[in-house]
């Protein structure tokens, strides 16, 4: 088995556990031959190699992802990883603290976008009540 295949096989269950099997299975099912190259690469590298390293736990990785995605301004990914953070046992207060920390280092506009995205997901997931 090639190293990439081994990392893919290691990463797929981690990816499914963090992001949810519905999301991952849908992404894989929708991928044509061209996009499957990306699906295989992200599953092997991000999930098999990075997330599969036992040095950091999944909760810590989720917090790191939220900070990095805020810095990069990748709001759809912030939304995806807020849900993943909840799956990994991250609390609403820990998400808030991470986004505030990222705001201090990345700036108010990046922080605002991340807070809005996280807020939307936290309400949708029932982690916080929506304001009526």
N, C-alpha and C. Protein backbone atom coordinates (compact mmCIF):
# COMPACT_ATOMS: atom_id res chain seq x y z
N UNK A 1 0.85 -1.17 0.00
CA UNK A 1 0.00 0.00 0.00
C UNK A 1 0.90 1.24 0.00
N UNK A 2 0.58 2.20 -0.83
CA UNK A 2 1.39 3.42 -0.88
C UNK A 2 1.17 4.24 0.38
N UNK A 3 2.12 5.12 0.67
CA UNK A 3 1.99 5.99 1.84
C UNK A 3 0.73 6.84 1.75
N UNK A 4 0.45 7.38 0.55
CA UNK A 4 -0.75 8.20 0.39
C UNK A 4 -2.01 7.39 0.67
N UNK A 5 -2.07 6.14 0.23
CA UNK A 5 -3.24 5.30 0.50
C UNK A 5 -3.35 5.02 1.99
N UNK A 6 -2.24 4.77 2.64
CA UNK A 6 -2.25 4.52 4.08
C UNK A 6 -2.74 5.76 4.84
N UNK A 7 -2.28 6.93 4.43
CA UNK A 7 -2.73 8.16 5.08
C UNK A 7 -4.20 8.44 4.79
N UNK A 8 -4.64 8.15 3.57
CA UNK A 8 -6.06 8.30 3.22
C UNK A 8 -6.90 7.39 4.12
N UNK A 9 -6.50 6.14 4.24
CA UNK A 9 -7.24 5.17 5.06
C UNK A 9 -7.24 5.58 6.53
N UNK A 10 -6.17 6.18 6.99
CA UNK A 10 -6.09 6.66 8.36
C UNK A 10 -6.94 7.92 8.55
N UNK A 11 -6.93 8.78 7.54
CA UNK A 11 -7.59 10.08 7.65
C UNK A 11 -9.09 10.06 7.48
N UNK A 12 -9.61 9.14 6.67
CA UNK A 12 -11.05 9.15 6.38
C UNK A 12 -11.90 8.99 7.63
N UNK A 13 -11.62 8.05 8.52
CA UNK A 13 -12.47 7.96 9.71
C UNK A 13 -12.32 9.17 10.65
N UNK A 14 -11.16 9.77 10.68
CA UNK A 14 -10.96 10.98 11.50
C UNK A 14 -11.78 12.12 10.91
N UNK A 15 -11.69 12.30 9.61
CA UNK A 15 -12.44 13.35 8.92
C UNK A 15 -13.93 13.17 9.14
N UNK A 16 -14.41 11.94 9.03
CA UNK A 16 -15.83 11.66 9.23
C UNK A 16 -16.24 11.94 10.68
N UNK A 17 -15.40 11.61 11.64
CA UNK A 17 -15.73 11.82 13.05
C UNK A 17 -15.80 13.30 13.39
N UNK A 18 -14.89 14.09 12.83
CA UNK A 18 -14.84 15.51 13.15
C UNK A 18 -15.89 16.30 12.39
N UNK A 19 -15.96 16.12 11.09
CA UNK A 19 -16.85 16.94 10.26
C UNK A 19 -18.23 16.35 10.08
N UNK A 20 -18.40 15.10 10.45
CA UNK A 20 -19.68 14.43 10.29
C UNK A 20 -19.69 13.60 9.03
N UNK A 21 -20.19 12.37 9.15
CA UNK A 21 -20.20 11.48 7.98
C UNK A 21 -21.05 12.01 6.82
N UNK A 22 -22.13 12.73 7.13
CA UNK A 22 -22.98 13.25 6.06
C UNK A 22 -22.19 14.21 5.17
N UNK A 23 -21.47 15.13 5.80
CA UNK A 23 -20.69 16.12 5.03
C UNK A 23 -19.61 15.43 4.20
N UNK A 24 -18.84 14.56 4.84
CA UNK A 24 -17.71 13.92 4.16
C UNK A 24 -18.21 13.00 3.05
N UNK A 25 -19.20 12.18 3.35
CA UNK A 25 -19.71 11.25 2.34
C UNK A 25 -20.31 12.00 1.16
N UNK A 26 -20.98 13.11 1.43
CA UNK A 26 -21.54 13.92 0.35
C UNK A 26 -20.43 14.53 -0.51
N UNK A 27 -19.38 15.03 0.14
CA UNK A 27 -18.25 15.61 -0.61
C UNK A 27 -17.60 14.56 -1.50
N UNK A 28 -17.44 13.36 -0.97
CA UNK A 28 -16.81 12.28 -1.75
C UNK A 28 -17.73 11.84 -2.90
N UNK A 29 -19.01 11.74 -2.63
CA UNK A 29 -19.97 11.27 -3.64
C UNK A 29 -20.10 12.27 -4.79
N UNK A 30 -20.02 13.57 -4.49
CA UNK A 30 -20.16 14.61 -5.51
C UNK A 30 -18.89 14.79 -6.34
N UNK A 31 -17.78 14.27 -5.88
CA UNK A 31 -16.49 14.51 -6.55
C UNK A 31 -16.40 13.70 -7.84
N UNK A 32 -16.15 14.41 -8.93
CA UNK A 32 -15.84 13.71 -10.18
C UNK A 32 -14.35 13.36 -10.15
N UNK A 33 -13.85 12.82 -11.24
CA UNK A 33 -12.45 12.38 -11.26
C UNK A 33 -11.50 13.53 -10.95
N UNK A 34 -11.79 14.71 -11.47
CA UNK A 34 -10.94 15.88 -11.24
C UNK A 34 -10.93 16.25 -9.75
N UNK A 35 -12.11 16.39 -9.14
CA UNK A 35 -12.21 16.82 -7.75
C UNK A 35 -11.80 15.72 -6.77
N UNK A 36 -11.87 14.46 -7.20
CA UNK A 36 -11.47 13.39 -6.31
C UNK A 36 -9.99 13.49 -5.96
N UNK A 37 -9.19 14.09 -6.85
CA UNK A 37 -7.77 14.32 -6.54
C UNK A 37 -7.64 15.17 -5.29
N UNK A 38 -8.46 16.21 -5.18
CA UNK A 38 -8.44 17.06 -4.00
C UNK A 38 -8.98 16.32 -2.78
N UNK A 39 -10.06 15.58 -2.94
CA UNK A 39 -10.63 14.84 -1.82
C UNK A 39 -9.60 13.86 -1.25
N UNK A 40 -8.88 13.18 -2.12
CA UNK A 40 -7.87 12.22 -1.66
C UNK A 40 -6.71 12.95 -0.97
N UNK A 41 -6.28 14.08 -1.55
CA UNK A 41 -5.17 14.83 -0.97
C UNK A 41 -5.53 15.39 0.40
N UNK A 42 -6.69 16.02 0.52
CA UNK A 42 -7.06 16.61 1.81
C UNK A 42 -7.29 15.53 2.85
N UNK A 43 -7.86 14.41 2.46
CA UNK A 43 -8.10 13.33 3.42
C UNK A 43 -6.78 12.73 3.90
N UNK A 44 -5.85 12.53 2.97
CA UNK A 44 -4.55 11.95 3.33
C UNK A 44 -3.69 12.94 4.11
N UNK A 45 -3.55 14.15 3.59
CA UNK A 45 -2.60 15.09 4.19
C UNK A 45 -3.15 15.77 5.43
N UNK A 46 -4.31 16.40 5.30
CA UNK A 46 -4.86 17.13 6.45
C UNK A 46 -5.34 16.18 7.54
N UNK A 47 -6.06 15.14 7.13
CA UNK A 47 -6.70 14.28 8.12
C UNK A 47 -5.84 13.08 8.51
N UNK A 48 -5.17 12.45 7.58
CA UNK A 48 -4.33 11.31 7.92
C UNK A 48 -3.02 11.73 8.55
N UNK A 49 -2.37 12.70 7.93
CA UNK A 49 -1.04 13.11 8.39
C UNK A 49 -1.15 14.10 9.56
N UNK A 50 -1.84 15.23 9.38
CA UNK A 50 -1.88 16.26 10.43
C UNK A 50 -2.79 15.85 11.59
N UNK A 51 -4.07 15.61 11.31
CA UNK A 51 -5.00 15.24 12.39
C UNK A 51 -4.67 13.86 12.95
N UNK A 52 -4.04 13.01 12.18
CA UNK A 52 -3.70 11.67 12.63
C UNK A 52 -2.49 11.59 13.53
N UNK A 53 -1.76 12.68 13.66
CA UNK A 53 -0.61 12.73 14.56
C UNK A 53 -1.13 12.81 16.00
N UNK A 54 -0.76 11.89 16.86
CA UNK A 54 -1.32 11.85 18.21
C UNK A 54 -0.76 12.90 19.18
N UNK A 55 0.16 13.73 18.73
CA UNK A 55 0.79 14.69 19.63
C UNK A 55 -0.22 15.69 20.20
N UNK A 56 -1.14 16.15 19.36
CA UNK A 56 -2.18 17.08 19.82
C UNK A 56 -3.52 16.37 19.79
N UNK A 57 -4.36 16.66 20.78
CA UNK A 57 -5.69 16.05 20.76
C UNK A 57 -6.60 16.81 19.80
N UNK A 58 -7.73 16.22 19.50
CA UNK A 58 -8.65 16.80 18.51
C UNK A 58 -9.23 18.13 18.96
N UNK A 59 -9.46 18.28 20.24
CA UNK A 59 -9.99 19.54 20.76
C UNK A 59 -9.00 20.68 20.48
N UNK A 60 -7.73 20.44 20.78
CA UNK A 60 -6.69 21.44 20.53
C UNK A 60 -6.60 21.74 19.04
N UNK A 61 -6.65 20.73 18.21
CA UNK A 61 -6.59 20.94 16.76
C UNK A 61 -7.76 21.78 16.28
N UNK A 62 -8.95 21.53 16.83
CA UNK A 62 -10.11 22.33 16.45
C UNK A 62 -9.91 23.80 16.79
N UNK A 63 -9.39 24.08 17.97
CA UNK A 63 -9.14 25.47 18.37
C UNK A 63 -8.10 26.12 17.46
N UNK A 64 -7.04 25.38 17.14
CA UNK A 64 -6.04 25.90 16.22
C UNK A 64 -6.66 26.21 14.86
N UNK A 65 -7.47 25.29 14.36
CA UNK A 65 -8.10 25.51 13.06
C UNK A 65 -8.95 26.77 13.05
N UNK A 66 -9.73 26.97 14.12
CA UNK A 66 -10.58 28.16 14.16
C UNK A 66 -9.74 29.43 14.11
N UNK A 67 -8.63 29.45 14.84
CA UNK A 67 -7.76 30.63 14.82
C UNK A 67 -7.13 30.84 13.45
N UNK A 68 -6.61 29.75 12.86
CA UNK A 68 -5.95 29.88 11.56
C UNK A 68 -6.94 30.26 10.46
N UNK A 69 -8.11 29.67 10.48
CA UNK A 69 -9.11 29.98 9.45
C UNK A 69 -9.61 31.41 9.59
N UNK A 70 -9.69 31.90 10.83
CA UNK A 70 -10.02 33.31 11.04
C UNK A 70 -8.94 34.19 10.43
N UNK A 71 -7.69 33.86 10.69
CA UNK A 71 -6.57 34.64 10.14
C UNK A 71 -6.59 34.66 8.62
N UNK A 72 -6.97 33.54 8.03
CA UNK A 72 -7.00 33.44 6.57
C UNK A 72 -8.28 34.01 5.96
N UNK A 73 -9.27 34.28 6.79
CA UNK A 73 -10.54 34.80 6.29
C UNK A 73 -11.34 33.76 5.52
N UNK A 74 -11.20 32.51 5.89
CA UNK A 74 -11.88 31.40 5.20
C UNK A 74 -13.18 31.07 5.93
N UNK A 75 -14.19 31.91 5.74
CA UNK A 75 -15.41 31.85 6.53
C UNK A 75 -16.21 30.57 6.31
N UNK A 76 -16.36 30.05 5.10
CA UNK A 76 -17.06 28.76 4.98
C UNK A 76 -16.37 27.65 5.78
N UNK A 77 -15.05 27.69 5.82
CA UNK A 77 -14.30 26.70 6.59
C UNK A 77 -14.44 26.95 8.09
N UNK A 78 -14.55 28.22 8.51
CA UNK A 78 -14.80 28.52 9.92
C UNK A 78 -16.11 27.84 10.33
N UNK A 79 -17.15 28.01 9.51
CA UNK A 79 -18.45 27.39 9.82
C UNK A 79 -18.31 25.88 9.96
N UNK A 80 -17.66 25.27 9.01
CA UNK A 80 -17.48 23.82 9.02
C UNK A 80 -16.74 23.38 10.27
N UNK A 81 -15.71 24.12 10.65
CA UNK A 81 -14.88 23.71 11.78
C UNK A 81 -15.46 24.13 13.13
N UNK A 82 -16.41 25.05 13.17
CA UNK A 82 -17.14 25.29 14.42
C UNK A 82 -17.97 24.05 14.75
N UNK A 83 -18.63 23.52 13.74
CA UNK A 83 -19.40 22.29 13.95
C UNK A 83 -18.46 21.15 14.35
N UNK A 84 -17.32 21.05 13.69
CA UNK A 84 -16.34 20.04 14.05
C UNK A 84 -15.82 20.23 15.46
N UNK A 85 -15.62 21.48 15.87
CA UNK A 85 -15.16 21.76 17.23
C UNK A 85 -16.18 21.26 18.25
N UNK A 86 -17.44 21.51 17.99
CA UNK A 86 -18.48 21.00 18.89
C UNK A 86 -18.43 19.48 18.95
N UNK A 87 -18.23 18.84 17.80
CA UNK A 87 -18.11 17.37 17.77
C UNK A 87 -16.92 16.89 18.60
N UNK A 88 -15.89 17.73 18.69
CA UNK A 88 -14.67 17.37 19.43
C UNK A 88 -14.71 17.80 20.89
N UNK A 89 -15.87 18.26 21.37
CA UNK A 89 -16.00 18.61 22.77
C UNK A 89 -15.57 20.01 23.14
N UNK A 90 -15.36 20.86 22.16
CA UNK A 90 -15.01 22.25 22.44
C UNK A 90 -16.27 22.97 22.92
N UNK A 91 -16.15 23.75 23.98
CA UNK A 91 -17.30 24.47 24.51
C UNK A 91 -17.51 25.79 23.76
N UNK A 92 -18.69 26.32 23.92
CA UNK A 92 -18.98 27.63 23.33
C UNK A 92 -18.01 28.68 23.87
N UNK A 93 -17.73 28.64 25.18
CA UNK A 93 -16.80 29.61 25.76
C UNK A 93 -15.39 29.46 25.18
N UNK A 94 -14.96 28.23 24.92
CA UNK A 94 -13.64 28.02 24.31
C UNK A 94 -13.61 28.51 22.87
N UNK A 95 -14.69 28.32 22.14
CA UNK A 95 -14.78 28.87 20.77
C UNK A 95 -14.70 30.39 20.83
N UNK A 96 -15.47 30.98 21.73
CA UNK A 96 -15.48 32.44 21.87
C UNK A 96 -14.09 32.96 22.22
N UNK A 97 -13.43 32.33 23.18
CA UNK A 97 -12.09 32.77 23.60
C UNK A 97 -11.09 32.65 22.45
N UNK A 98 -11.19 31.59 21.68
CA UNK A 98 -10.29 31.40 20.54
C UNK A 98 -10.52 32.49 19.50
N UNK A 99 -11.77 32.79 19.21
CA UNK A 99 -12.08 33.82 18.22
C UNK A 99 -11.68 35.20 18.72
N UNK A 100 -11.82 35.46 20.01
CA UNK A 100 -11.36 36.74 20.56
C UNK A 100 -9.84 36.85 20.46
N UNK A 101 -9.15 35.76 20.76
CA UNK A 101 -7.69 35.75 20.64
C UNK A 101 -7.28 36.01 19.18
N UNK A 102 -7.94 35.33 18.26
CA UNK A 102 -7.64 35.54 16.84
C UNK A 102 -7.95 36.97 16.42
N UNK A 103 -9.02 37.54 16.96
CA UNK A 103 -9.38 38.92 16.64
C UNK A 103 -8.27 39.88 17.06
N UNK A 104 -7.70 39.64 18.24
CA UNK A 104 -6.62 40.51 18.72
C UNK A 104 -5.42 40.49 17.79
N UNK A 105 -5.13 39.35 17.20
CA UNK A 105 -3.96 39.21 16.34
C UNK A 105 -4.25 39.40 14.86
N UNK A 106 -5.49 39.18 14.44
CA UNK A 106 -5.82 39.23 13.01
C UNK A 106 -6.59 40.48 12.62
N UNK A 107 -7.17 41.16 13.61
CA UNK A 107 -7.90 42.38 13.33
C UNK A 107 -9.41 42.21 13.48
N UNK A 108 -10.06 43.34 13.69
CA UNK A 108 -11.50 43.37 13.92
C UNK A 108 -12.29 42.82 12.73
N UNK A 109 -11.99 43.20 11.48
CA UNK A 109 -12.80 42.66 10.37
C UNK A 109 -12.74 41.13 10.28
N UNK A 110 -11.56 40.56 10.44
CA UNK A 110 -11.45 39.09 10.39
C UNK A 110 -12.19 38.46 11.55
N UNK A 111 -12.06 39.04 12.73
CA UNK A 111 -12.75 38.53 13.90
C UNK A 111 -14.25 38.63 13.78
N UNK A 112 -14.73 39.75 13.26
CA UNK A 112 -16.17 39.94 13.08
C UNK A 112 -16.74 38.89 12.14
N UNK A 113 -16.07 38.66 11.03
CA UNK A 113 -16.54 37.64 10.08
C UNK A 113 -16.59 36.26 10.74
N UNK A 114 -15.56 35.93 11.51
CA UNK A 114 -15.50 34.63 12.16
C UNK A 114 -16.58 34.53 13.25
N UNK A 115 -16.78 35.59 14.01
CA UNK A 115 -17.81 35.58 15.04
C UNK A 115 -19.20 35.39 14.42
N UNK A 116 -19.48 36.10 13.34
CA UNK A 116 -20.78 35.95 12.68
C UNK A 116 -20.98 34.52 12.18
N UNK A 117 -19.95 33.96 11.59
CA UNK A 117 -20.04 32.59 11.08
C UNK A 117 -20.24 31.60 12.22
N UNK A 118 -19.46 31.75 13.28
CA UNK A 118 -19.59 30.85 14.42
C UNK A 118 -20.96 30.99 15.06
N UNK A 119 -21.45 32.20 15.21
CA UNK A 119 -22.75 32.46 15.80
C UNK A 119 -23.85 31.73 15.03
N UNK A 120 -23.80 31.83 13.73
CA UNK A 120 -24.78 31.16 12.87
C UNK A 120 -24.78 29.64 13.12
N UNK A 121 -23.61 29.05 13.16
CA UNK A 121 -23.50 27.60 13.37
C UNK A 121 -23.92 27.22 14.78
N UNK A 122 -23.50 27.99 15.76
CA UNK A 122 -23.84 27.66 17.15
C UNK A 122 -25.34 27.70 17.38
N UNK A 123 -26.02 28.63 16.76
CA UNK A 123 -27.49 28.66 16.85
C UNK A 123 -28.08 27.46 16.13
N UNK A 124 -27.62 27.20 14.91
CA UNK A 124 -28.15 26.08 14.12
C UNK A 124 -27.96 24.74 14.82
N UNK A 125 -26.85 24.60 15.54
CA UNK A 125 -26.54 23.35 16.23
C UNK A 125 -27.18 23.28 17.63
N UNK A 126 -27.86 24.35 18.03
CA UNK A 126 -28.50 24.36 19.34
C UNK A 126 -27.54 24.56 20.49
N UNK A 127 -26.33 25.01 20.20
CA UNK A 127 -25.33 25.22 21.25
C UNK A 127 -25.60 26.51 22.02
N UNK A 128 -26.24 27.47 21.36
CA UNK A 128 -26.67 28.71 22.02
C UNK A 128 -28.07 29.02 21.51
N UNK A 129 -28.84 29.73 22.33
CA UNK A 129 -30.19 30.10 21.86
C UNK A 129 -30.13 31.24 20.86
N UNK A 130 -31.00 31.21 19.91
CA UNK A 130 -31.11 32.32 18.96
C UNK A 130 -31.88 33.46 19.60
N UNK A 131 -31.51 34.67 19.26
CA UNK A 131 -32.20 35.84 19.81
C UNK A 131 -33.49 36.04 19.06
N UNK A 132 -34.53 36.20 19.79
CA UNK A 132 -35.86 36.35 19.17
C UNK A 132 -36.20 37.79 18.99
